[in-house]
């Protein structure tokens, strides 16, 4: 089934000897984000991995904002696939747009 939670998912992988203590994990049922918080040498660390499906970008960002407000103060690392398109002329047209753009600049590839 296209668009189901089986199509998406995020992860944060930590080596078994990673020195984090007091670990807490947050995740949503749709597989759009996972967050891990804990302490390393007394410093609170928050790690968040996100996948914002194109059809749910706004909802995912709303839920992510709420999640971030629940995390404890500390160093927060946030990464993932936001499906953001800052420049629609370059970011949505597909892989051939890269070649057209670079060719226009005099670069051949």
N, C-alpha and C. Protein backbone atom coordinates (compact mmCIF):
# COMPACT_ATOMS: atom_id res chain seq x y z
N UNK A 1 0.85 -1.18 0.00
CA UNK A 1 0.00 0.00 0.00
C UNK A 1 0.89 1.23 0.00
N UNK A 2 0.81 2.03 -1.03
CA UNK A 2 1.65 3.21 -1.16
C UNK A 2 1.27 4.26 -0.13
N UNK A 3 2.29 4.88 0.50
CA UNK A 3 2.04 5.94 1.46
C UNK A 3 1.77 5.44 2.87
N UNK A 4 1.84 4.15 3.08
CA UNK A 4 1.59 3.63 4.41
C UNK A 4 2.84 3.77 5.27
N UNK A 5 2.70 3.51 6.55
CA UNK A 5 3.86 3.63 7.44
C UNK A 5 4.91 2.57 7.13
N UNK A 6 4.54 1.52 6.36
CA UNK A 6 5.53 0.54 5.96
C UNK A 6 6.49 1.12 4.93
N UNK A 7 6.12 2.23 4.28
CA UNK A 7 6.96 2.85 3.26
C UNK A 7 8.00 3.78 3.84
N UNK A 8 7.90 4.13 5.08
CA UNK A 8 8.83 5.10 5.64
C UNK A 8 9.31 4.62 7.01
N UNK A 9 10.32 5.29 7.46
CA UNK A 9 10.86 4.97 8.77
C UNK A 9 12.19 5.65 8.95
N UNK A 10 12.52 5.95 10.16
CA UNK A 10 13.77 6.63 10.47
C UNK A 10 14.48 5.84 11.56
N UNK A 11 15.76 6.10 11.70
CA UNK A 11 16.54 5.40 12.71
C UNK A 11 17.69 6.28 13.18
N UNK A 12 18.15 5.99 14.35
CA UNK A 12 19.39 6.55 14.88
C UNK A 12 20.17 5.34 15.39
N UNK A 13 21.33 5.13 14.80
CA UNK A 13 22.15 3.99 15.18
C UNK A 13 23.29 4.45 16.08
N UNK A 14 23.44 3.78 17.20
CA UNK A 14 24.52 4.07 18.13
C UNK A 14 25.31 2.79 18.36
N UNK A 15 26.61 2.90 18.37
CA UNK A 15 27.45 1.75 18.68
C UNK A 15 27.18 1.31 20.12
N UNK A 16 27.28 0.02 20.37
CA UNK A 16 26.96 -0.50 21.70
C UNK A 16 27.85 0.07 22.80
N UNK A 17 29.01 0.61 22.43
CA UNK A 17 29.89 1.21 23.44
C UNK A 17 29.74 2.74 23.50
N UNK A 18 28.78 3.29 22.78
CA UNK A 18 28.55 4.74 22.80
C UNK A 18 28.25 5.15 24.25
N UNK A 19 28.96 6.14 24.79
CA UNK A 19 28.91 6.42 26.22
C UNK A 19 27.72 7.28 26.68
N UNK A 20 26.52 6.99 26.20
CA UNK A 20 25.35 7.77 26.58
C UNK A 20 24.61 7.07 27.72
N UNK A 21 24.20 7.84 28.72
CA UNK A 21 23.44 7.30 29.85
C UNK A 21 22.09 8.01 29.94
N UNK A 22 21.20 7.49 30.78
CA UNK A 22 19.87 8.08 30.99
C UNK A 22 19.11 8.25 29.67
N UNK A 23 19.13 7.23 28.85
CA UNK A 23 18.55 7.32 27.50
C UNK A 23 17.02 7.25 27.56
N UNK A 24 16.40 8.18 26.82
CA UNK A 24 14.95 8.17 26.60
C UNK A 24 14.73 8.22 25.09
N UNK A 25 13.68 7.56 24.62
CA UNK A 25 13.39 7.50 23.19
C UNK A 25 11.96 7.96 22.94
N UNK A 26 11.81 8.82 21.93
CA UNK A 26 10.49 9.26 21.45
C UNK A 26 10.37 8.87 19.99
N UNK A 27 9.20 8.42 19.59
CA UNK A 27 8.96 8.12 18.17
C UNK A 27 7.47 8.24 17.89
N UNK A 28 7.16 8.47 16.63
CA UNK A 28 5.74 8.52 16.29
C UNK A 28 5.34 7.23 15.59
N UNK A 29 4.09 6.94 15.58
CA UNK A 29 3.58 5.67 15.03
C UNK A 29 3.69 5.60 13.52
N UNK A 30 3.76 6.74 12.85
CA UNK A 30 3.83 6.77 11.39
C UNK A 30 5.25 6.64 10.86
N UNK A 31 6.24 6.54 11.71
CA UNK A 31 7.62 6.38 11.26
C UNK A 31 8.23 7.66 10.72
N UNK A 32 7.72 8.82 11.13
CA UNK A 32 8.22 10.09 10.61
C UNK A 32 9.38 10.66 11.42
N UNK A 33 9.48 10.31 12.69
CA UNK A 33 10.61 10.81 13.47
C UNK A 33 10.92 9.87 14.63
N UNK A 34 12.16 9.95 15.05
CA UNK A 34 12.60 9.29 16.27
C UNK A 34 13.59 10.25 16.95
N UNK A 35 13.52 10.29 18.27
CA UNK A 35 14.42 11.16 19.03
C UNK A 35 15.00 10.35 20.19
N UNK A 36 16.26 10.59 20.45
CA UNK A 36 16.95 9.97 21.58
C UNK A 36 17.54 11.09 22.41
N UNK A 37 17.31 11.05 23.69
CA UNK A 37 17.97 12.00 24.59
C UNK A 37 18.74 11.20 25.64
N UNK A 38 19.80 11.80 26.09
CA UNK A 38 20.61 11.17 27.13
C UNK A 38 21.73 12.10 27.54
N UNK A 39 22.63 11.58 28.32
CA UNK A 39 23.75 12.39 28.80
C UNK A 39 25.08 11.74 28.41
N UNK A 40 26.00 12.61 28.01
CA UNK A 40 27.37 12.19 27.76
C UNK A 40 28.26 13.11 28.58
N UNK A 41 28.97 12.53 29.52
CA UNK A 41 29.82 13.29 30.44
C UNK A 41 29.06 14.44 31.08
N UNK A 42 27.81 14.19 31.47
CA UNK A 42 27.00 15.18 32.17
C UNK A 42 26.30 16.19 31.28
N UNK A 43 26.53 16.13 29.98
CA UNK A 43 25.91 17.07 29.03
C UNK A 43 24.70 16.39 28.39
N UNK A 44 23.55 17.06 28.39
CA UNK A 44 22.35 16.52 27.77
C UNK A 44 22.47 16.63 26.25
N UNK A 45 22.25 15.51 25.59
CA UNK A 45 22.33 15.43 24.13
C UNK A 45 20.98 14.95 23.61
N UNK A 46 20.43 15.64 22.62
CA UNK A 46 19.20 15.24 21.94
C UNK A 46 19.55 14.96 20.48
N UNK A 47 19.18 13.78 20.00
CA UNK A 47 19.39 13.43 18.59
C UNK A 47 18.02 13.14 17.98
N UNK A 48 17.75 13.78 16.84
CA UNK A 48 16.45 13.63 16.20
C UNK A 48 16.66 13.31 14.72
N UNK A 49 15.98 12.27 14.25
CA UNK A 49 16.00 11.91 12.84
C UNK A 49 14.58 12.02 12.31
N UNK A 50 14.43 12.67 11.13
CA UNK A 50 13.10 13.01 10.60
C UNK A 50 12.96 12.54 9.17
N UNK A 51 11.77 12.07 8.83
CA UNK A 51 11.37 11.88 7.43
C UNK A 51 10.02 12.56 7.27
N UNK A 52 9.96 13.57 6.40
CA UNK A 52 8.72 14.29 6.13
C UNK A 52 8.22 13.87 4.76
N UNK A 53 7.25 12.94 4.71
CA UNK A 53 6.73 12.53 3.40
C UNK A 53 6.12 13.72 2.68
N UNK A 54 6.27 13.78 1.36
CA UNK A 54 5.76 14.93 0.61
C UNK A 54 4.30 15.27 0.91
N UNK A 55 3.48 14.27 1.12
CA UNK A 55 2.05 14.53 1.36
C UNK A 55 1.77 14.98 2.79
N UNK A 56 2.75 14.88 3.68
CA UNK A 56 2.53 15.22 5.09
C UNK A 56 3.57 16.19 5.63
N UNK A 57 4.16 17.00 4.77
CA UNK A 57 5.24 17.90 5.22
C UNK A 57 4.76 18.82 6.32
N UNK A 58 3.65 19.50 6.11
CA UNK A 58 3.19 20.48 7.11
C UNK A 58 2.83 19.82 8.43
N UNK A 59 2.14 18.69 8.37
CA UNK A 59 1.77 17.97 9.60
C UNK A 59 3.02 17.47 10.33
N UNK A 60 3.98 16.94 9.57
CA UNK A 60 5.22 16.45 10.18
C UNK A 60 5.97 17.59 10.87
N UNK A 61 6.04 18.75 10.23
CA UNK A 61 6.74 19.88 10.84
C UNK A 61 6.02 20.38 12.09
N UNK A 62 4.68 20.35 12.08
CA UNK A 62 3.93 20.72 13.29
C UNK A 62 4.23 19.75 14.43
N UNK A 63 4.20 18.45 14.12
CA UNK A 63 4.49 17.45 15.15
C UNK A 63 5.94 17.54 15.62
N UNK A 64 6.86 17.82 14.70
CA UNK A 64 8.26 17.96 15.06
C UNK A 64 8.48 19.15 15.99
N UNK A 65 7.81 20.24 15.71
CA UNK A 65 7.90 21.43 16.57
C UNK A 65 7.44 21.09 17.98
N UNK A 66 6.35 20.35 18.09
CA UNK A 66 5.84 19.93 19.40
C UNK A 66 6.86 19.02 20.09
N UNK A 67 7.41 18.06 19.35
CA UNK A 67 8.41 17.15 19.93
C UNK A 67 9.61 17.93 20.46
N UNK A 68 10.12 18.87 19.66
CA UNK A 68 11.30 19.64 20.07
C UNK A 68 11.04 20.43 21.35
N UNK A 69 9.80 20.87 21.55
CA UNK A 69 9.48 21.62 22.77
C UNK A 69 9.48 20.72 24.01
N UNK A 70 9.32 19.40 23.82
CA UNK A 70 9.34 18.46 24.94
C UNK A 70 10.74 18.01 25.32
N UNK A 71 11.70 18.15 24.43
CA UNK A 71 13.05 17.67 24.70
C UNK A 71 13.71 18.53 25.77
N UNK A 72 14.55 17.92 26.59
CA UNK A 72 15.21 18.69 27.64
C UNK A 72 16.23 19.66 27.04
N UNK A 73 16.51 20.76 27.75
CA UNK A 73 17.52 21.69 27.27
C UNK A 73 18.87 20.98 27.15
N UNK A 74 19.58 21.31 26.09
CA UNK A 74 20.88 20.70 25.85
C UNK A 74 21.27 20.87 24.40
N UNK A 75 22.25 20.10 23.97
CA UNK A 75 22.71 20.12 22.59
C UNK A 75 21.75 19.27 21.77
N UNK A 76 21.16 19.86 20.72
CA UNK A 76 20.21 19.13 19.88
C UNK A 76 20.78 19.00 18.48
N UNK A 77 20.81 17.76 17.99
CA UNK A 77 21.23 17.47 16.61
C UNK A 77 20.01 16.99 15.86
N UNK A 78 19.71 17.65 14.75
CA UNK A 78 18.50 17.36 13.98
C UNK A 78 18.89 17.11 12.53
N UNK A 79 18.45 16.01 11.98
CA UNK A 79 18.76 15.71 10.59
C UNK A 79 17.69 14.83 10.00
N UNK A 80 17.71 14.73 8.68
CA UNK A 80 16.77 13.84 8.02
C UNK A 80 16.39 14.34 6.65
N UNK A 81 15.30 13.79 6.15
CA UNK A 81 14.77 14.14 4.83
C UNK A 81 13.50 14.94 5.03
N UNK A 82 13.62 16.26 4.79
CA UNK A 82 12.48 17.16 4.99
C UNK A 82 11.69 17.37 3.70
N UNK A 83 12.14 16.78 2.59
CA UNK A 83 11.50 16.98 1.29
C UNK A 83 11.24 18.46 1.02
N UNK A 84 12.21 19.28 1.38
CA UNK A 84 12.10 20.72 1.20
C UNK A 84 12.51 21.10 -0.23
N UNK A 85 11.85 22.07 -0.79
CA UNK A 85 12.17 22.55 -2.13
C UNK A 85 12.35 24.06 -2.09
N UNK A 86 13.52 24.53 -1.65
CA UNK A 86 13.75 25.98 -1.55
C UNK A 86 13.66 26.69 -2.90
N UNK A 87 14.08 26.04 -3.98
CA UNK A 87 14.03 26.66 -5.30
C UNK A 87 13.31 25.69 -6.24
N UNK A 88 12.04 25.93 -6.49
CA UNK A 88 11.24 25.01 -7.29
C UNK A 88 11.79 24.80 -8.69
N UNK A 89 12.48 25.80 -9.25
CA UNK A 89 13.00 25.65 -10.61
C UNK A 89 14.18 24.68 -10.65
N UNK A 90 14.89 24.51 -9.54
CA UNK A 90 16.04 23.61 -9.51
C UNK A 90 15.75 22.30 -8.79
N UNK A 91 14.88 22.32 -7.79
CA UNK A 91 14.74 21.18 -6.91
C UNK A 91 13.63 20.20 -7.25
N UNK A 92 12.73 20.53 -8.15
CA UNK A 92 11.60 19.65 -8.42
C UNK A 92 11.62 19.06 -9.81
N UNK A 93 12.35 19.65 -10.74
CA UNK A 93 12.29 19.25 -12.14
C UNK A 93 12.89 17.87 -12.40
N UNK A 94 13.69 17.34 -11.51
CA UNK A 94 14.27 16.02 -11.70
C UNK A 94 15.73 16.09 -12.05
N UNK A 95 16.36 14.93 -12.25
CA UNK A 95 17.81 14.90 -12.46
C UNK A 95 18.28 15.61 -13.72
N UNK A 96 17.45 15.68 -14.76
CA UNK A 96 17.89 16.35 -15.98
C UNK A 96 18.05 17.85 -15.79
N UNK A 97 17.33 18.42 -14.82
CA UNK A 97 17.45 19.86 -14.58
C UNK A 97 18.87 20.23 -14.17
N UNK A 98 19.57 19.33 -13.50
CA UNK A 98 20.95 19.59 -13.11
C UNK A 98 21.82 19.76 -14.36
N UNK A 99 21.62 18.87 -15.33
CA UNK A 99 22.42 18.95 -16.55
C UNK A 99 22.07 20.19 -17.36
N UNK A 100 20.80 20.53 -17.43
CA UNK A 100 20.42 21.76 -18.16
C UNK A 100 21.03 22.98 -17.48
N UNK A 101 20.97 23.01 -16.14
CA UNK A 101 21.50 24.15 -15.39
C UNK A 101 23.01 24.28 -15.57
N UNK A 102 23.72 23.17 -15.44
CA UNK A 102 25.19 23.25 -15.55
C UNK A 102 25.60 23.52 -17.00
N UNK A 103 24.85 23.01 -17.96
CA UNK A 103 25.19 23.30 -19.37
C UNK A 103 25.02 24.77 -19.67
N UNK A 104 23.99 25.37 -19.09
CA UNK A 104 23.77 26.80 -19.30
C UNK A 104 24.92 27.62 -18.74
N UNK A 105 25.60 27.08 -17.75
CA UNK A 105 26.73 27.79 -17.15
C UNK A 105 28.03 27.50 -17.89
N UNK A 106 27.95 26.71 -18.96
CA UNK A 106 29.14 26.41 -19.73
C UNK A 106 29.90 25.19 -19.26
N UNK A 107 29.29 24.42 -18.35
CA UNK A 107 29.94 23.21 -17.85
C UNK A 107 29.32 22.02 -18.55
N UNK A 108 30.12 21.16 -19.08
CA UNK A 108 29.58 19.97 -19.73
C UNK A 108 29.88 18.75 -18.89
N UNK A 109 29.02 17.75 -19.00
CA UNK A 109 29.23 16.61 -18.14
C UNK A 109 28.85 15.32 -18.73
